[in-house]
Every structure is written in C-alpha cells, then in structure tokens.
Amino acid sequence: MAWEGRLPFLLSIFMFLSMLSSLSDCHPHPAWPVSSRAVTAAATNYTARKASDVAAEVAGYADVAKQIIDLAVFGAAQNRSYRRLADFTDTIGNRVSGSHNLDLAIKYMHNAMTQDGLDVHLEPVKIPHWVRGKESAEMIAPRAKNLAILGLGSSVGTPPEGIKAEVLVVQSFEELKRRASEAVDKIVVFNQPFVSYGETVAYRAYGASEAAKVGAVATLIRSITPFSINSPHTGLQDYQDGVKRIPTACITIEDAELMWRFAQRGQKIVVRLTMEAKTLPDADSFNTVAEIKGWQHPEQVVLLSGHLDSWDVGQGAMDDGGGAMISWEALSLIKDLGLRPRRTLRTVLWTAEEQGGVGAQQYYDLHKANLSNIDLVMESDLGTFTPVGLQFTGSDAARKVMEEVVKLLAPINTTKLEAHGEGTDISPWMQAGVPGASLHVADSRYFWFHHTEGDTMTVQDPQDMNLCSALWAVVAYVVADLQDMLHRSC
C-alpha cells in the first residue's frame, strides 16, 4: 500500500489525518432509473437546499439500498467477491510492480470484468521495476543463526560476495546520531518499538539513508508490525538525494530483539548479508478501468478503486486484492439489479500503488482537466475485514449529505461517518478539493500480515467481504444518482 519518488508512500495512508478537504458545487439530481420519480428540469445546489429536503431525498433510496444489501449479503451474489478474489490470487499470485505476474493480473481482470458485462478499457502508464533477486542473512557471532529477511523496495544489492560486518543495534534515529562514530563500516540494526504504522514506518522509509550518513554499510530494520511469528515485512524505502545508497532489508521482531539483547550484554555481533536486488528500467503497464455509464450525466463520475499490484510475497489477497474485488463487485451488484445511476460509476484498479501511487498519479495527470466533473473518489486499501464505517473528507455541506447516505447502511450496522478519507491513489484528487471516502474496517490485524508471506486468502472472510461490497455499492450508487453533485467549498 501507501509515496515514492516524491514522498514515500509508506506514510501516505496517514497523511490525510491533518488535511481538510473541500469540494465544488455542480449540477445533476436523484432517483434511480427504474423508479417512477420524475427528473426535475433545473438542478440546484445542495447548499441552497434545506437540510430536510436533502435528508428526504436520500431517505428515498432506502428501498434500493436494501436491495443492494440483500443481494450482496444474502442473495445470489453472496460470497461472490470472496470467490473472485480466491480465483484471482490463486491463479496469479503476488504482483509486484513491473513483473510478469502483474501483466497477467491486468489481463485477467480486463477479461473477467468484460465478461461481467462492464465497459472495460486499459490506460497505459510507466511504472518502476525493482527485482528482489536472491537474498540471505546470517548471524556469525556471537552464535550462528540464519536471519529471515525481506529486502526493501528500491534497495540496492550487496557486492556478489555479500557484506560481512559488525553490527550496531540502536532503537531510534536519535540514538544513531549519538552513536554516529560507532556506526562507521557497521551494519546498523534498528530495533525501534512499534508505536503506530504511521509513525514507525519512518524507520523503513529513511533508515538506510540515515545510517549511510554516519558511515554504515547496510541496514537491517525491525519489521513495521505490532505482532510477529518470525515473519519479516517488506515495503518501500526512500533513498535521500546526495546520500550513498546502501543495502537495506527488514528482519523479524524476534531477531531484532535478539541482537538487542546481545548488544546490551556487550557481546560482539557479526552478520553476513547478501542481496541481489536491483532496479531495472521503468516498465509499461496499465490502470484497469471499468464503468457503468450514467444515464443523464455520463461525463460526471463517482470513482471507486483499489490497487491491483502487491509486493512480491504472499498472494496480495488483503493488500489490496480485497479492495480491488469489492470495487468490481460494487458495479456487478448495481448491474445485476438493473440499476443505472444518473452519473457514471467508474472502478479503477490502480497499478504501482506500492511504489508510491505511481499509476494513480499518472491517471490524475491525464484526467485532471475533468476535475470539476469528478463527484466523489473512493479507495479501499486497508483491508476488507468487518466494516465499521466510512471515512470522509469534504466540505461541511458535502458531509451533511454523506451523513444521510450512510444512514442507508443501517441494515448492516455501518452508519458511522468518520473524518479523513484516505488513500495513496485518491490523494491527488482530494488535495485538489474533490470529496474523498475510504473504507474503515476492524483492522487491528491488518499490520500483522501487511507486506508478508502471510497475506493470503486465509486472512480473508467471505461474510466480511459481502458486507464491504454492500457498503461500497450503496454509497457509490446513491451518490452517483443524487440530484446534485457533492458541494465543494472551492
């Protein structure tokens, strides 16, 4: 998941906690095509309408919301998103940026969504192509032990013979600075405590460059997770300009703490690290786009999304296969019910999100001329566990509308509208003032499996995915069919 090139993606899923977005006023109007409600001739702005009128309008979608929920949770579509995800991940496997597997994944999804009766096309992008290669680490002293590692995205490799060096174990950047003279020609091991992903990920992002500044030859970083069963986590790291690039990998919590205990006893630690990692020229790839065209204002868009790429471990089922599948499933549910909203519903399956939202940034650059016609952007990239609510960033007027929309989710008990929509891929739109929403799930286990071999279908639950799909479809459909676009303050 989460910015590279510009700002490491790693921190991006939390970067919106301090951002207050706005949104713009626009045109259109509600009613689903299969209903008998007449379309009014002149569209008005929500800010000029009484709150009671807006509430009444949204409440008019209660029946159609229940139809969507019933189909997703109890009806013929029950467990469909889970089955689709299982078939996809079992067939393709993991899908790192630039890989053959990612190419296969894009072709798979293009064919599958086309067969589903959706309007599907591919939009070309250029994406990073980092290759892990073979890698290993072993502790030679004070005793022999193999260390489980995962090299970090964009890391350079070691010389072919590897790097054999004494280890300096620190618990913070501050300690590293205090002990800078001890770091020269050492492998720096960061044994930082886990506070939160948003805070602790800085060690993965910047650890290599900070260690290189004081003369280290490589870094091994405690995996960014609160829980481990000797499982290392990968992810993107960000070399700083003008600083020597040194090899960097994550190790397990267990091994980081083991070396910390040795260091506290004053025992000399020696490690041999070998990594074949390298970065190849940027690769050709695609964002995958599927649509249900709006019946009245096809140029206006509600955008749903998840990312198709993953890291090169596990199956990428949780991050972000689930988000991609519910964004497809939402369109399927609406199509199956014979619904066609006033505006276009567009699902985008991004590429190279893990490399910093690369595909999404190129999509934004290509389509930003249509900024005023993007009604709402939605992203699911923090798992598809049990949904607890919707996170939203927008103007006060837009928030009032969304508060009414989530009331339609009462049958599945997810009526909370929380602050701060987030997501690497939708962030350019939100920063430009487009309303943004993200799925909030019971995610306490998310960072247990994040970027590891453990990110497989075993983590997923079909009923949870049913509920996530229902929430995603109801919100997207109702917003796309309302009389007016969501208001923006600028």
Protein backbone atom coordinates (compact mmCIF):
# COMPACT_ATOMS: atom_id res chain seq x y z
CA MET A 1 0.00 0.00 0.00
CA ALA A 2 0.79 3.81 0.74
CA TRP A 3 4.64 7.89 -1.92
CA GLU A 4 7.72 7.27 -3.69
CA GLY A 5 9.59 9.44 -5.96
CA ARG A 6 8.11 12.37 -4.19
CA LEU A 7 7.25 11.36 -0.67
CA PRO A 8 7.41 7.75 0.46
CA PHE A 9 4.13 6.03 0.05
CA LEU A 10 4.74 4.46 3.35
CA LEU A 11 3.49 7.47 5.23
CA SER A 12 0.76 8.37 2.80
CA ILE A 13 -2.08 6.29 4.19
CA PHE A 14 -1.97 8.53 7.21
CA MET A 15 -1.04 11.81 5.55
CA PHE A 16 -4.64 12.94 5.35
CA LEU A 17 -5.24 12.96 9.07
CA SER A 18 -4.21 16.60 9.04
CA MET A 19 -5.79 17.51 5.72
CA LEU A 20 -9.11 19.30 5.48
CA SER A 21 -10.57 18.96 2.03
CA SER A 22 -13.21 20.87 0.25
CA LEU A 23 -15.39 20.12 -2.70
CA SER A 24 -17.28 22.05 -5.54
CA ASP A 25 -20.85 22.59 -6.44
CA CYS A 26 -22.28 21.14 -9.56
CA HIS A 27 -25.37 20.02 -11.35
CA PRO A 28 -27.48 16.79 -11.55
CA HIS A 29 -30.19 15.03 -9.47
CA PRO A 30 -31.61 11.75 -7.68
CA ALA A 31 -33.89 8.86 -8.46
CA TRP A 32 -32.90 5.56 -9.87
CA PRO A 33 -33.89 4.90 -13.46
CA VAL A 34 -36.20 2.04 -12.54
CA SER A 35 -38.20 4.32 -10.24
CA SER A 36 -41.16 6.48 -11.25
CA ARG A 37 -39.81 9.74 -9.88
CA ALA A 38 -39.67 12.49 -12.43
CA VAL A 39 -36.44 14.28 -13.22
CA THR A 40 -36.63 17.97 -12.46
CA ALA A 41 -35.61 20.31 -15.22
CA ALA A 42 -33.33 22.56 -13.25
CA ALA A 43 -30.67 21.23 -10.91
CA THR A 44 -29.95 23.15 -7.76
CA ASN A 45 -27.01 23.21 -5.38
CA TYR A 46 -27.21 21.36 -2.09
CA THR A 47 -26.04 24.43 -0.23
CA ALA A 48 -29.15 26.26 -1.40
CA ARG A 49 -31.48 23.48 -0.27
CA LYS A 50 -32.86 22.79 3.15
CA ALA A 51 -31.24 20.03 5.13
CA SER A 52 -34.64 18.44 5.49
CA ASP A 53 -35.04 18.30 1.72
CA VAL A 54 -31.66 16.62 1.32
CA ALA A 55 -32.46 14.14 4.08
CA ALA A 56 -35.79 13.31 2.48
CA GLU A 57 -34.17 12.85 -0.92
CA VAL A 58 -31.54 10.45 0.39
CA ALA A 59 -34.07 8.59 2.51
CA GLY A 60 -35.91 7.87 -0.72
CA TYR A 61 -33.14 5.42 -1.58
CA ALA A 62 -33.86 3.16 1.40
CA ASP A 63 -35.56 0.51 -0.72
CA VAL A 64 -32.83 0.35 -3.35
CA ALA A 65 -30.14 0.31 -0.66
CA LYS A 66 -31.83 -2.67 0.94
CA GLN A 67 -32.00 -4.42 -2.43
CA ILE A 68 -28.25 -3.97 -2.87
CA ILE A 69 -27.53 -5.16 0.65
CA ASP A 70 -29.81 -8.17 0.35
CA LEU A 71 -28.22 -9.21 -2.94
CA ALA A 72 -24.67 -8.85 -1.61
CA VAL A 73 -25.16 -10.38 1.83
CA PHE A 74 -27.98 -12.90 1.48
CA GLY A 75 -28.79 -13.27 -2.22
CA ALA A 76 -27.30 -14.75 -5.35
CA ALA A 77 -24.17 -12.59 -5.06
CA GLN A 78 -23.37 -13.85 -1.56
CA ASN A 79 -19.63 -14.68 -1.26
CA ARG A 80 -19.03 -13.72 -4.91
CA SER A 81 -16.34 -11.13 -4.14
CA TYR A 82 -14.54 -13.70 -1.97
CA ARG A 83 -14.72 -16.36 -4.70
CA ARG A 84 -13.47 -13.89 -7.27
CA LEU A 85 -10.58 -12.90 -5.04
CA ALA A 86 -9.65 -16.51 -4.33
CA ASP A 87 -9.66 -17.42 -8.02
CA PHE A 88 -7.65 -14.32 -8.91
CA THR A 89 -4.98 -14.66 -6.23
CA ASP A 90 -4.71 -18.44 -6.50
CA THR A 91 -4.28 -18.13 -10.27
CA ILE A 92 -1.92 -15.16 -10.41
CA GLY A 93 -0.17 -15.00 -7.05
CA ASN A 94 1.68 -11.87 -5.96
CA ARG A 95 2.02 -8.97 -8.40
CA VAL A 96 4.93 -6.63 -7.81
CA SER A 97 5.32 -3.53 -9.99
CA GLY A 98 6.95 -4.29 -13.35
CA SER A 99 6.58 -8.06 -13.04
CA HIS A 100 5.18 -10.62 -15.46
CA ASN A 101 2.64 -11.56 -12.79
CA LEU A 102 1.30 -8.00 -12.73
CA ASP A 103 0.88 -8.15 -16.52
CA LEU A 104 -1.06 -11.40 -16.11
CA ALA A 105 -3.19 -9.84 -13.35
CA ILE A 106 -4.18 -6.89 -15.53
CA LYS A 107 -5.12 -9.17 -18.43
CA TYR A 108 -7.06 -11.41 -16.05
CA MET A 109 -9.09 -8.53 -14.63
CA HIS A 110 -9.70 -6.96 -18.04
CA ASN A 111 -11.12 -10.23 -19.33
CA ALA A 112 -13.11 -11.01 -16.18
CA MET A 113 -14.79 -7.60 -15.95
CA THR A 114 -15.52 -7.60 -19.69
CA GLN A 115 -17.20 -11.00 -19.34
CA ASP A 116 -19.18 -9.49 -16.47
CA GLY A 117 -20.78 -7.11 -18.97
CA LEU A 118 -18.96 -3.95 -17.92
CA ASP A 119 -17.42 -1.34 -20.18
CA VAL A 120 -13.69 -2.00 -19.65
CA HIS A 121 -10.53 -0.41 -21.01
CA LEU A 122 -6.84 -0.11 -20.13
CA GLU A 123 -4.94 3.16 -19.75
CA PRO A 124 -1.15 2.93 -20.27
CA VAL A 125 1.35 4.06 -17.62
CA LYS A 126 5.07 3.69 -16.92
CA ILE A 127 5.94 2.06 -13.59
CA PRO A 128 9.06 1.19 -11.54
CA HIS A 129 10.59 -2.26 -11.94
CA TRP A 130 12.55 -3.38 -8.88
CA VAL A 131 13.68 -7.01 -8.67
CA ARG A 132 14.48 -8.69 -5.35
CA GLY A 133 16.73 -11.49 -6.53
CA LYS A 134 18.23 -13.95 -4.08
CA GLU A 135 18.88 -12.68 -0.58
CA SER A 136 20.07 -14.07 2.72
CA ALA A 137 21.44 -13.00 6.07
CA GLU A 138 23.17 -14.97 8.78
CA MET A 139 24.48 -14.05 12.17
CA ILE A 140 28.01 -15.40 12.54
CA ALA A 141 28.74 -14.16 16.06
CA PRO A 142 28.10 -14.48 18.93
CA ARG A 143 26.49 -17.64 17.52
CA ALA A 144 25.44 -18.96 14.14
CA LYS A 145 21.84 -18.24 13.17
CA ASN A 146 20.01 -17.73 9.89
CA LEU A 147 18.05 -14.46 9.85
CA ALA A 148 14.74 -14.21 7.99
CA ILE A 149 14.87 -11.07 5.83
CA LEU A 150 12.94 -9.27 3.12
CA GLY A 151 14.79 -6.64 1.11
CA LEU A 152 13.01 -3.30 0.87
CA GLY A 153 11.66 -1.94 -2.39
CA SER A 154 14.19 0.13 -4.38
CA SER A 155 17.10 -1.17 -2.26
CA VAL A 156 20.43 -1.68 -3.97
CA GLY A 157 22.13 -5.02 -3.71
CA THR A 158 25.32 -6.04 -1.97
CA PRO A 159 28.50 -6.99 -3.80
CA PRO A 160 28.28 -10.59 -5.10
CA GLU A 161 30.28 -11.87 -2.13
CA GLY A 162 27.94 -10.06 0.26
CA ILE A 163 28.75 -7.77 3.16
CA LYS A 164 30.26 -9.18 6.35
CA ALA A 165 30.37 -6.62 9.14
CA GLU A 166 29.95 -5.99 12.82
CA VAL A 167 26.51 -4.84 13.92
CA LEU A 168 25.46 -1.70 15.78
CA VAL A 169 21.98 -2.02 17.31
CA VAL A 170 20.02 1.18 18.00
CA GLN A 171 16.43 1.89 18.97
CA SER A 172 15.93 5.29 17.38
CA PHE A 173 17.31 7.83 14.95
CA GLU A 174 18.33 9.90 17.96
CA GLU A 175 20.42 7.05 19.37
CA LEU A 176 22.04 6.57 15.96
CA LYS A 177 23.10 10.22 15.93
CA ARG A 178 24.50 9.98 19.44
CA ARG A 179 26.50 6.91 18.48
CA ALA A 180 27.46 8.06 14.99
CA SER A 181 31.15 7.35 15.50
CA GLU A 182 30.33 3.70 16.27
CA ALA A 183 28.37 3.23 13.03
CA VAL A 184 31.26 3.56 10.58
CA ASP A 185 31.62 0.39 8.47
CA LYS A 186 28.91 -1.33 10.53
CA ILE A 187 25.58 -2.90 9.65
CA VAL A 188 23.08 -0.80 11.61
CA VAL A 189 20.18 -2.76 13.08
CA PHE A 190 17.17 -0.66 14.02
CA ASN A 191 15.21 -2.21 16.89
CA GLN A 192 12.68 0.60 17.16
CA PRO A 193 9.48 -0.06 19.17
CA PHE A 194 6.21 -0.16 17.24
CA VAL A 195 4.10 2.87 18.11
CA SER A 196 1.81 3.04 15.08
CA TYR A 197 2.31 2.32 11.42
CA GLY A 198 2.19 5.99 10.51
CA GLU A 199 4.93 6.88 12.98
CA THR A 200 7.13 3.80 12.99
CA VAL A 201 7.27 3.36 9.21
CA ALA A 202 9.74 6.26 9.10
CA TYR A 203 12.45 3.75 10.04
CA ARG A 204 11.68 1.63 6.99
CA ALA A 205 11.42 4.71 4.79
CA TYR A 206 14.53 6.57 5.89
CA GLY A 207 16.63 4.12 7.90
CA ALA A 208 19.08 3.35 5.09
CA SER A 209 19.87 6.97 4.30
CA GLU A 210 20.14 7.98 7.96
CA ALA A 211 22.57 5.13 8.59
CA ALA A 212 24.57 5.88 5.43
CA LYS A 213 25.07 9.46 6.60
CA VAL A 214 27.09 8.18 9.54
CA GLY A 215 29.11 5.66 7.54
CA ALA A 216 27.12 2.43 7.83
CA VAL A 217 27.48 -0.17 5.08
CA ALA A 218 23.94 -1.65 5.32
CA THR A 219 20.82 -1.59 7.48
CA LEU A 220 18.54 -4.26 8.90
CA ILE A 221 15.26 -2.82 10.16
CA ARG A 222 12.82 -4.37 12.60
CA SER A 223 9.63 -5.07 10.63
CA ILE A 224 6.89 -2.45 10.97
CA THR A 225 4.31 -4.53 12.79
CA PRO A 226 2.96 -4.98 16.33
CA PHE A 227 2.97 -8.79 16.07
CA SER A 228 5.24 -11.41 14.58
CA ILE A 229 5.71 -15.15 14.28
CA ASN A 230 9.24 -14.78 12.91
CA SER A 231 7.89 -13.19 9.75
CA PRO A 232 9.68 -10.26 8.06
CA HIS A 233 7.71 -7.50 6.31
CA THR A 234 8.77 -5.75 3.12
CA GLY A 235 7.72 -2.36 1.75
CA LEU A 236 9.10 0.70 0.04
CA GLN A 237 12.05 2.70 1.29
CA ASP A 238 13.20 6.12 0.11
CA TYR A 239 16.83 6.95 -0.58
CA GLN A 240 17.66 10.60 0.02
CA ASP A 241 19.31 12.57 -2.76
CA GLY A 242 23.02 13.07 -2.31
CA VAL A 243 23.36 10.23 0.23
CA LYS A 244 25.19 6.99 -0.53
CA ARG A 245 22.77 4.16 -1.28
CA ILE A 246 23.36 1.15 0.93
CA PRO A 247 21.52 -2.20 1.02
CA THR A 248 18.52 -2.34 3.33
CA ALA A 249 16.16 -5.10 4.43
CA CYS A 250 13.66 -5.84 7.16
CA ILE A 251 14.20 -8.52 9.75
CA THR A 252 11.76 -10.04 12.21
CA ILE A 253 10.86 -8.57 15.59
CA GLU A 254 12.32 -11.68 17.18
CA ASP A 255 15.74 -11.32 15.54
CA ALA A 256 15.90 -7.56 16.15
CA GLU A 257 15.22 -8.12 19.84
CA LEU A 258 17.70 -11.00 19.98
CA MET A 259 20.50 -8.81 18.65
CA TRP A 260 19.45 -6.01 21.00
CA ARG A 261 19.84 -8.36 23.97
CA PHE A 262 23.27 -9.45 22.75
CA ALA A 263 24.26 -5.79 22.38
CA GLN A 264 23.04 -4.96 25.89
CA ARG A 265 25.31 -7.70 27.22
CA GLY A 266 28.24 -6.17 25.37
CA GLN A 267 28.60 -9.14 23.01
CA LYS A 268 30.05 -8.56 19.56
CA ILE A 269 27.56 -9.29 16.77
CA VAL A 270 28.68 -10.08 13.22
CA VAL A 271 26.31 -10.57 10.28
CA ARG A 272 26.82 -11.56 6.65
CA LEU A 273 24.23 -10.02 4.30
CA THR A 274 23.80 -10.95 0.63
CA MET A 275 21.25 -9.26 -1.64
CA GLU A 276 20.91 -9.37 -5.42
CA ALA A 277 18.35 -6.56 -5.51
CA LYS A 278 18.41 -4.22 -8.49
CA THR A 279 16.25 -1.65 -10.25
CA LEU A 280 15.55 -2.14 -13.97
CA PRO A 281 14.25 0.48 -16.43
CA ASP A 282 10.64 1.55 -15.94
CA ALA A 283 8.12 -0.93 -17.35
CA ASP A 284 5.00 -0.48 -19.44
CA SER A 285 1.78 -1.19 -17.58
CA PHE A 286 -1.86 -0.12 -17.26
CA ASN A 287 -4.54 1.17 -14.94
CA THR A 288 -7.61 -1.02 -15.44
CA VAL A 289 -10.90 0.88 -15.79
CA ALA A 290 -14.47 -0.47 -15.76
CA GLU A 291 -17.64 1.62 -15.97
CA ILE A 292 -21.39 1.80 -15.85
CA LYS A 293 -22.20 4.91 -17.85
CA GLY A 294 -24.53 7.42 -16.26
CA TRP A 295 -27.92 7.81 -17.93
CA GLN A 296 -28.19 11.58 -17.55
CA HIS A 297 -24.70 12.96 -16.90
CA PRO A 298 -22.21 10.38 -18.18
CA GLU A 299 -19.41 12.94 -18.03
CA GLN A 300 -19.76 13.19 -14.24
CA VAL A 301 -18.11 10.42 -12.27
CA VAL A 302 -18.15 8.64 -8.94
CA LEU A 303 -14.85 6.73 -8.81
CA LEU A 304 -14.31 3.54 -6.78
CA SER A 305 -10.88 1.99 -6.50
CA GLY A 306 -8.35 -0.44 -5.11
CA HIS A 307 -4.89 -1.34 -6.38
CA LEU A 308 -4.01 -4.41 -8.39
CA ASP A 309 -0.28 -4.59 -7.69
CA SER A 310 1.17 -6.05 -4.49
CA TRP A 311 4.55 -6.86 -3.07
CA ASP A 312 6.34 -10.00 -4.24
CA VAL A 313 5.41 -12.08 -1.20
CA GLY A 314 2.22 -13.86 -0.19
CA GLN A 315 -0.77 -13.52 -2.52
CA GLY A 316 -1.63 -9.86 -2.09
CA ALA A 317 -5.10 -11.01 -1.04
CA MET A 318 -5.50 -8.44 1.73
CA ASP A 319 -3.31 -5.70 0.26
CA ASP A 320 -5.05 -4.96 -1.92
CA GLY A 321 -6.84 -7.79 -3.68
CA GLY A 322 -9.86 -7.31 -1.43
CA GLY A 323 -10.13 -3.60 -2.19
CA ALA A 324 -9.89 -4.28 -5.92
CA MET A 325 -12.54 -7.00 -5.78
CA ILE A 326 -15.15 -5.04 -3.83
CA SER A 327 -14.66 -2.14 -6.25
CA TRP A 328 -15.51 -4.54 -9.09
CA GLU A 329 -18.27 -6.21 -7.07
CA ALA A 330 -19.99 -2.88 -6.42
CA LEU A 331 -20.52 -2.42 -10.15
CA SER A 332 -21.67 -6.03 -10.53
CA LEU A 333 -24.31 -5.63 -7.80
CA ILE A 334 -25.69 -2.49 -9.40
CA LYS A 335 -25.70 -4.08 -12.86
CA ASP A 336 -27.37 -7.26 -11.57
CA LEU A 337 -30.23 -5.21 -10.12
CA GLY A 338 -30.79 -3.45 -13.42
CA LEU A 339 -29.83 -0.10 -11.94
CA ARG A 340 -28.16 2.68 -13.86
CA PRO A 341 -27.30 5.83 -11.94
CA ARG A 342 -27.57 9.39 -13.11
CA ARG A 343 -23.76 9.72 -13.25
CA THR A 344 -21.08 7.31 -14.36
CA LEU A 345 -19.77 4.78 -11.87
CA ARG A 346 -16.12 4.10 -12.62
CA THR A 347 -13.94 1.47 -10.99
CA VAL A 348 -10.20 1.98 -11.37
CA LEU A 349 -7.78 -0.78 -10.41
CA TRP A 350 -4.55 1.12 -9.94
CA THR A 351 -1.09 -0.13 -10.78
CA ALA A 352 2.14 0.52 -8.85
CA GLU A 353 0.45 1.82 -5.72
CA GLU A 354 3.09 0.09 -3.62
CA GLN A 355 5.74 2.12 -5.38
CA GLY A 356 4.10 5.36 -4.25
CA GLY A 357 0.85 5.68 -6.17
CA VAL A 358 2.70 5.86 -9.49
CA GLY A 359 -0.16 4.67 -11.70
CA ALA A 360 -2.69 6.81 -9.86
CA GLN A 361 -0.58 9.95 -10.22
CA GLN A 362 -0.35 9.41 -13.97
CA TYR A 363 -4.11 8.86 -14.08
CA TYR A 364 -4.64 12.15 -12.26
CA ASP A 365 -2.28 13.99 -14.61
CA LEU A 366 -4.20 12.61 -17.59
CA HIS A 367 -7.70 13.35 -16.26
CA LYS A 368 -7.30 16.42 -14.04
CA ALA A 369 -8.73 18.63 -16.81
CA ASN A 370 -12.02 16.91 -15.88
CA LEU A 371 -11.63 17.80 -12.21
CA SER A 372 -14.95 19.63 -11.90
CA ASN A 373 -16.81 16.52 -13.10
CA ILE A 374 -15.39 14.14 -10.50
CA ASP A 375 -18.12 13.91 -7.87
CA LEU A 376 -16.51 11.57 -5.32
CA VAL A 377 -13.35 9.44 -5.20
CA MET A 378 -13.34 6.26 -3.09
CA GLU A 379 -10.50 3.91 -2.17
CA SER A 380 -10.33 0.66 -0.21
CA ASP A 381 -6.74 -0.14 0.79
CA LEU A 382 -6.72 -1.05 4.47
CA GLY A 383 -8.26 -4.49 4.21
CA THR A 384 -11.75 -5.89 3.77
CA PHE A 385 -12.34 -7.08 7.31
CA THR A 386 -15.63 -6.34 9.10
CA PRO A 387 -16.68 -2.82 8.02
CA VAL A 388 -17.33 -0.31 10.78
CA GLY A 389 -17.95 2.89 8.83
CA LEU A 390 -16.94 5.26 6.08
CA GLN A 391 -14.15 7.81 6.36
CA PHE A 392 -14.84 11.05 4.50
CA THR A 393 -13.05 14.27 3.60
CA GLY A 394 -15.12 17.12 2.18
CA SER A 395 -16.90 20.38 2.77
CA ASP A 396 -19.44 20.77 5.55
CA ALA A 397 -22.25 20.72 3.00
CA ALA A 398 -20.95 17.52 1.43
CA ARG A 399 -20.52 15.94 4.85
CA LYS A 400 -24.19 16.61 5.66
CA VAL A 401 -25.18 14.72 2.52
CA MET A 402 -22.85 11.82 3.29
CA GLU A 403 -24.20 11.61 6.85
CA GLU A 404 -27.61 10.93 5.33
CA VAL A 405 -26.20 8.43 2.81
CA VAL A 406 -24.57 6.25 5.46
CA LYS A 407 -27.88 6.05 7.34
CA LEU A 408 -28.98 3.79 4.49
CA LEU A 409 -26.46 1.24 5.78
CA ALA A 410 -28.41 0.61 8.97
CA PRO A 411 -29.26 -2.98 7.90
CA ILE A 412 -25.55 -3.84 8.17
CA ASN A 413 -24.87 -1.54 11.13
CA THR A 414 -22.25 0.64 9.41
CA THR A 415 -23.78 4.09 9.72
CA LYS A 416 -20.71 5.88 11.10
CA LEU A 417 -19.29 8.70 9.01
CA GLU A 418 -15.80 9.43 10.27
CA ALA A 419 -13.31 12.17 9.49
CA HIS A 420 -10.47 11.97 6.99
CA GLY A 421 -10.89 9.87 3.89
CA GLU A 422 -7.50 8.46 2.98
CA GLY A 423 -5.66 6.57 0.30
CA THR A 424 -2.45 6.94 -1.68
CA ASP A 425 -4.22 6.66 -5.02
CA ILE A 426 -7.03 9.14 -4.42
CA SER A 427 -4.87 11.69 -2.62
CA PRO A 428 -4.16 13.88 -5.69
CA TRP A 429 -7.89 14.34 -6.23
CA MET A 430 -8.55 15.08 -2.58
CA GLN A 431 -5.73 17.60 -2.44
CA ALA A 432 -7.38 19.31 -5.42
CA GLY A 433 -10.65 19.58 -3.47
CA VAL A 434 -12.60 16.54 -4.71
CA PRO A 435 -14.57 14.78 -1.94
CA GLY A 436 -12.90 11.54 -0.87
CA ALA A 437 -14.02 8.45 1.02
CA SER A 438 -12.28 5.36 2.31
CA LEU A 439 -13.47 2.13 3.84
CA HIS A 440 -12.92 1.78 7.59
CA VAL A 441 -12.81 -1.82 8.76
CA ALA A 442 -11.94 -3.61 12.00
CA ASP A 443 -8.29 -3.56 11.02
CA SER A 444 -6.46 -4.48 14.23
CA ARG A 445 -4.87 -7.47 12.45
CA TYR A 446 -4.05 -5.67 9.20
CA PHE A 447 -0.44 -4.90 10.04
CA TRP A 448 0.16 -8.43 11.27
CA PHE A 449 0.02 -9.65 7.66
CA HIS A 450 0.86 -6.46 5.75
CA HIS A 451 3.62 -6.96 3.11
CA THR A 452 4.42 -10.50 4.27
CA GLU A 453 4.17 -14.09 3.11
CA GLY A 454 1.11 -14.23 5.38
CA ASP A 455 -1.00 -12.00 3.11
CA THR A 456 -3.03 -14.86 1.64
CA MET A 457 -6.66 -15.89 1.23
CA THR A 458 -6.52 -17.42 4.71
CA VAL A 459 -6.74 -13.87 6.11
CA GLN A 460 -9.99 -13.17 4.23
CA ASP A 461 -13.53 -13.88 5.39
CA PRO A 462 -16.36 -14.17 2.83
CA GLN A 463 -19.03 -12.61 5.04
CA ASP A 464 -16.83 -9.62 5.77
CA MET A 465 -16.30 -9.15 2.05
CA ASN A 466 -20.06 -9.34 1.45
CA LEU A 467 -20.59 -6.51 3.93
CA CYS A 468 -17.77 -4.41 2.47
CA SER A 469 -19.16 -4.89 -1.03
CA ALA A 470 -22.64 -3.86 0.09
CA LEU A 471 -21.35 -0.70 1.79
CA TRP A 472 -19.22 0.20 -1.22
CA ALA A 473 -22.07 -0.32 -3.69
CA VAL A 474 -24.74 1.54 -1.72
CA VAL A 475 -22.58 4.62 -1.15
CA ALA A 476 -21.32 4.75 -4.72
CA TYR A 477 -24.74 4.23 -6.31
CA VAL A 478 -26.65 6.71 -4.17
CA VAL A 479 -24.07 9.48 -4.53
CA ALA A 480 -23.93 8.87 -8.30
CA ASP A 481 -27.71 9.13 -8.58
CA LEU A 482 -28.46 12.13 -6.36
CA GLN A 483 -29.94 15.28 -7.85
CA ASP A 484 -26.78 17.34 -7.23
CA MET A 485 -23.10 16.64 -7.12
CA LEU A 486 -21.46 16.92 -3.72
CA HIS A 487 -20.67 20.51 -2.84
CA ARG A 488 -17.10 21.78 -2.83
CA SER A 489 -16.07 24.81 -0.87
CA CYS A 490 -13.67 25.91 -3.59
